[in-house]
Amino acid sequence: MEEFIEVHPRPGGFFYADIWIPSVSLDVEIDGRGHDDVSDRNREYLMTTVAGINLIRFKNSEVYNNLCGVVDAIVRKCVDLAGSNSR
């Protein structure tokens, strides 16, 4: 798991990832009140289609009410991405 510990915000031109995991190019987004659906969809398109960044998104309420589940989902996504990159 040490390869996934390098977690930090990443400048991405006009946005910052809430959490950036560079070993698998994963942006973890936590959606709070400041998120706008249209802006988020546009940014998500640019990130995934144009920049090739992997994305996983959670609502604030998921983080507050089920932190262990959120962490588990992030770890599973990292493992899946790492496995697909090694093939």
N, C-alpha and C. Protein backbone atom coordinates (compact mmCIF):
# COMPACT_ATOMS: atom_id res chain seq x y z
N MET A 1 0.80 -1.20 0.00
CA MET A 1 0.00 0.00 0.00
C MET A 1 0.84 1.27 0.00
N GLU A 2 2.13 1.17 0.25
CA GLU A 2 2.94 2.39 0.31
C GLU A 2 2.91 3.18 -0.99
N GLU A 3 2.71 2.49 -2.13
CA GLU A 3 2.69 3.22 -3.39
C GLU A 3 1.48 4.15 -3.51
N PHE A 4 0.49 3.98 -2.65
CA PHE A 4 -0.70 4.83 -2.69
C PHE A 4 -0.68 5.93 -1.63
N ILE A 5 0.38 6.03 -0.86
CA ILE A 5 0.39 6.99 0.25
C ILE A 5 0.72 8.41 -0.21
N GLU A 6 1.24 8.57 -1.39
CA GLU A 6 1.65 9.87 -1.91
C GLU A 6 0.41 10.66 -2.33
N VAL A 7 -0.27 11.23 -1.35
CA VAL A 7 -1.55 11.89 -1.58
C VAL A 7 -1.40 13.38 -1.31
N HIS A 8 -1.74 14.20 -2.28
CA HIS A 8 -1.64 15.65 -2.12
C HIS A 8 -2.46 16.35 -3.18
N PRO A 9 -2.87 17.59 -2.94
CA PRO A 9 -3.56 18.33 -4.00
C PRO A 9 -2.64 18.55 -5.19
N ARG A 10 -3.19 18.48 -6.37
CA ARG A 10 -2.41 18.63 -7.59
C ARG A 10 -2.94 19.80 -8.39
N PRO A 11 -2.09 20.75 -8.72
CA PRO A 11 -2.55 21.80 -9.61
C PRO A 11 -2.80 21.23 -10.99
N GLY A 12 -3.94 21.49 -11.56
CA GLY A 12 -4.26 20.95 -12.87
C GLY A 12 -4.64 22.04 -13.84
N GLY A 13 -3.86 23.08 -13.90
CA GLY A 13 -4.20 24.18 -14.78
C GLY A 13 -5.19 25.11 -14.10
N PHE A 14 -6.48 24.87 -14.30
CA PHE A 14 -7.49 25.75 -13.74
C PHE A 14 -8.22 25.13 -12.56
N PHE A 15 -7.78 23.97 -12.06
CA PHE A 15 -8.46 23.35 -10.94
C PHE A 15 -7.45 22.66 -10.04
N TYR A 16 -7.89 22.37 -8.84
CA TYR A 16 -7.12 21.56 -7.91
C TYR A 16 -7.93 20.32 -7.57
N ALA A 17 -7.26 19.20 -7.52
CA ALA A 17 -7.91 17.98 -7.05
C ALA A 17 -8.07 18.10 -5.54
N ASP A 18 -9.19 17.60 -5.01
CA ASP A 18 -9.33 17.55 -3.55
C ASP A 18 -8.25 16.64 -2.98
N ILE A 19 -8.10 15.48 -3.59
CA ILE A 19 -7.01 14.55 -3.24
C ILE A 19 -6.48 14.00 -4.56
N TRP A 20 -5.19 14.05 -4.74
CA TRP A 20 -4.54 13.55 -5.97
C TRP A 20 -3.65 12.38 -5.60
N ILE A 21 -3.84 11.24 -6.27
CA ILE A 21 -3.02 10.05 -6.05
C ILE A 21 -2.27 9.79 -7.35
N PRO A 22 -1.04 10.28 -7.44
CA PRO A 22 -0.32 10.28 -8.72
C PRO A 22 0.04 8.90 -9.24
N SER A 23 0.24 7.93 -8.38
CA SER A 23 0.66 6.60 -8.85
C SER A 23 -0.37 5.95 -9.77
N VAL A 24 -1.64 6.37 -9.68
CA VAL A 24 -2.68 5.84 -10.55
C VAL A 24 -3.48 6.95 -11.25
N SER A 25 -2.94 8.17 -11.23
CA SER A 25 -3.60 9.34 -11.84
C SER A 25 -5.05 9.45 -11.41
N LEU A 26 -5.27 9.39 -10.10
CA LEU A 26 -6.63 9.41 -9.56
C LEU A 26 -6.90 10.71 -8.83
N ASP A 27 -7.96 11.37 -9.23
CA ASP A 27 -8.46 12.57 -8.57
C ASP A 27 -9.66 12.15 -7.74
N VAL A 28 -9.59 12.37 -6.43
CA VAL A 28 -10.70 12.10 -5.53
C VAL A 28 -11.38 13.43 -5.25
N GLU A 29 -12.62 13.55 -5.62
CA GLU A 29 -13.37 14.79 -5.42
C GLU A 29 -14.41 14.60 -4.32
N ILE A 30 -14.45 15.56 -3.41
CA ILE A 30 -15.43 15.59 -2.34
C ILE A 30 -16.36 16.77 -2.65
N ASP A 31 -17.61 16.46 -2.96
CA ASP A 31 -18.56 17.48 -3.38
C ASP A 31 -19.31 18.07 -2.19
N GLY A 32 -19.09 19.34 -1.97
CA GLY A 32 -19.79 20.06 -0.92
C GLY A 32 -20.74 21.06 -1.52
N ARG A 33 -21.12 22.04 -0.72
CA ARG A 33 -22.08 23.05 -1.17
C ARG A 33 -21.54 23.90 -2.31
N GLY A 34 -20.25 24.05 -2.42
CA GLY A 34 -19.67 24.91 -3.44
C GLY A 34 -19.62 24.30 -4.83
N HIS A 35 -20.12 23.10 -5.00
CA HIS A 35 -20.04 22.45 -6.30
C HIS A 35 -21.28 22.74 -7.13
N ASP A 36 -21.06 22.95 -8.39
CA ASP A 36 -22.11 23.24 -9.35
C ASP A 36 -22.15 22.09 -10.35
N ASP A 37 -23.31 21.49 -10.55
CA ASP A 37 -23.42 20.31 -11.41
C ASP A 37 -22.89 20.54 -12.82
N VAL A 38 -23.23 21.66 -13.44
CA VAL A 38 -22.80 21.92 -14.82
C VAL A 38 -21.29 22.12 -14.86
N SER A 39 -20.75 22.93 -13.96
CA SER A 39 -19.31 23.15 -13.92
C SER A 39 -18.56 21.86 -13.64
N ASP A 40 -19.10 21.06 -12.71
CA ASP A 40 -18.46 19.78 -12.39
C ASP A 40 -18.46 18.84 -13.58
N ARG A 41 -19.56 18.78 -14.32
CA ARG A 41 -19.61 17.91 -15.50
C ARG A 41 -18.62 18.37 -16.56
N ASN A 42 -18.52 19.67 -16.78
CA ASN A 42 -17.57 20.19 -17.76
C ASN A 42 -16.14 19.88 -17.35
N ARG A 43 -15.83 20.12 -16.09
CA ARG A 43 -14.49 19.84 -15.59
C ARG A 43 -14.20 18.35 -15.64
N GLU A 44 -15.20 17.53 -15.27
CA GLU A 44 -15.02 16.08 -15.32
C GLU A 44 -14.72 15.61 -16.74
N TYR A 45 -15.41 16.16 -17.73
CA TYR A 45 -15.16 15.81 -19.12
C TYR A 45 -13.71 16.14 -19.50
N LEU A 46 -13.27 17.35 -19.17
CA LEU A 46 -11.90 17.75 -19.50
C LEU A 46 -10.88 16.85 -18.82
N MET A 47 -11.12 16.54 -17.56
CA MET A 47 -10.17 15.73 -16.80
C MET A 47 -10.08 14.32 -17.36
N THR A 48 -11.22 13.68 -17.57
CA THR A 48 -11.21 12.26 -17.96
C THR A 48 -10.95 12.06 -19.44
N THR A 49 -11.54 12.89 -20.28
CA THR A 49 -11.42 12.70 -21.72
C THR A 49 -10.18 13.35 -22.29
N VAL A 50 -9.94 14.58 -21.92
CA VAL A 50 -8.83 15.33 -22.51
C VAL A 50 -7.51 15.01 -21.79
N ALA A 51 -7.52 15.05 -20.46
CA ALA A 51 -6.29 14.87 -19.70
C ALA A 51 -6.02 13.42 -19.31
N GLY A 52 -7.00 12.53 -19.46
CA GLY A 52 -6.79 11.12 -19.12
C GLY A 52 -6.68 10.84 -17.62
N ILE A 53 -7.28 11.69 -16.82
CA ILE A 53 -7.24 11.53 -15.36
C ILE A 53 -8.40 10.65 -14.92
N ASN A 54 -8.13 9.74 -14.00
CA ASN A 54 -9.18 8.91 -13.41
C ASN A 54 -9.85 9.71 -12.30
N LEU A 55 -11.14 9.50 -12.12
CA LEU A 55 -11.89 10.31 -11.18
C LEU A 55 -12.82 9.43 -10.35
N ILE A 56 -12.88 9.74 -9.07
CA ILE A 56 -13.88 9.15 -8.18
C ILE A 56 -14.45 10.30 -7.36
N ARG A 57 -15.76 10.30 -7.18
CA ARG A 57 -16.44 11.44 -6.58
C ARG A 57 -17.31 10.96 -5.41
N PHE A 58 -17.28 11.75 -4.33
CA PHE A 58 -18.09 11.46 -3.15
C PHE A 58 -18.79 12.74 -2.70
N LYS A 59 -19.94 12.59 -2.10
CA LYS A 59 -20.63 13.72 -1.48
C LYS A 59 -20.08 13.91 -0.08
N ASN A 60 -20.12 15.15 0.41
CA ASN A 60 -19.70 15.43 1.78
C ASN A 60 -20.37 14.49 2.77
N SER A 61 -21.67 14.27 2.58
CA SER A 61 -22.42 13.43 3.51
C SER A 61 -21.87 12.00 3.55
N GLU A 62 -21.38 11.49 2.42
CA GLU A 62 -20.78 10.15 2.41
C GLU A 62 -19.51 10.12 3.27
N VAL A 63 -18.72 11.18 3.16
CA VAL A 63 -17.47 11.24 3.94
C VAL A 63 -17.78 11.31 5.43
N TYR A 64 -18.73 12.16 5.80
CA TYR A 64 -19.08 12.32 7.22
C TYR A 64 -19.76 11.08 7.79
N ASN A 65 -20.63 10.44 7.01
CA ASN A 65 -21.44 9.33 7.53
C ASN A 65 -20.84 7.96 7.30
N ASN A 66 -19.89 7.85 6.39
CA ASN A 66 -19.34 6.53 6.06
C ASN A 66 -17.88 6.65 5.62
N LEU A 67 -17.06 7.24 6.45
CA LEU A 67 -15.66 7.47 6.10
C LEU A 67 -14.94 6.17 5.75
N CYS A 68 -15.17 5.13 6.53
CA CYS A 68 -14.51 3.84 6.25
C CYS A 68 -14.90 3.31 4.87
N GLY A 69 -16.17 3.47 4.51
CA GLY A 69 -16.62 3.03 3.18
C GLY A 69 -15.99 3.84 2.07
N VAL A 70 -15.83 5.14 2.29
CA VAL A 70 -15.19 6.02 1.30
C VAL A 70 -13.73 5.63 1.13
N VAL A 71 -13.02 5.44 2.23
CA VAL A 71 -11.61 5.04 2.16
C VAL A 71 -11.49 3.69 1.46
N ASP A 72 -12.38 2.76 1.78
CA ASP A 72 -12.36 1.44 1.13
C ASP A 72 -12.59 1.57 -0.37
N ALA A 73 -13.52 2.42 -0.78
CA ALA A 73 -13.78 2.62 -2.21
C ALA A 73 -12.57 3.22 -2.92
N ILE A 74 -11.88 4.15 -2.26
CA ILE A 74 -10.68 4.76 -2.85
C ILE A 74 -9.58 3.71 -2.99
N VAL A 75 -9.37 2.92 -1.97
CA VAL A 75 -8.34 1.87 -2.03
C VAL A 75 -8.67 0.87 -3.12
N ARG A 76 -9.93 0.43 -3.21
CA ARG A 76 -10.31 -0.52 -4.27
C ARG A 76 -10.09 0.08 -5.65
N LYS A 77 -10.41 1.36 -5.82
CA LYS A 77 -10.20 2.02 -7.12
C LYS A 77 -8.71 2.07 -7.45
N CYS A 78 -7.88 2.37 -6.47
CA CYS A 78 -6.42 2.39 -6.69
C CYS A 78 -5.90 1.02 -7.08
N VAL A 79 -6.36 -0.01 -6.40
CA VAL A 79 -5.92 -1.37 -6.72
C VAL A 79 -6.37 -1.76 -8.13
N ASP A 80 -7.63 -1.43 -8.47
CA ASP A 80 -8.12 -1.72 -9.83
C ASP A 80 -7.30 -1.00 -10.89
N LEU A 81 -7.04 0.29 -10.66
CA LEU A 81 -6.28 1.07 -11.64
C LEU A 81 -4.84 0.57 -11.75
N ALA A 82 -4.24 0.23 -10.62
CA ALA A 82 -2.86 -0.28 -10.64
C ALA A 82 -2.80 -1.60 -11.39
N GLY A 83 -3.82 -2.44 -11.21
CA GLY A 83 -3.87 -3.72 -11.91
C GLY A 83 -4.06 -3.54 -13.40
N SER A 84 -4.88 -2.60 -13.80
CA SER A 84 -5.12 -2.37 -15.23
C SER A 84 -3.91 -1.72 -15.90
N ASN A 85 -3.12 -0.98 -15.13
CA ASN A 85 -1.91 -0.36 -15.69
C ASN A 85 -0.78 -1.36 -15.88
N SER A 86 -0.82 -2.48 -15.14
CA SER A 86 0.27 -3.45 -15.22
C SER A 86 0.03 -4.51 -16.29
N ARG A 87 -1.12 -4.48 -16.92
CA ARG A 87 -1.42 -5.49 -17.94
C ARG A 87 -0.87 -5.10 -19.28
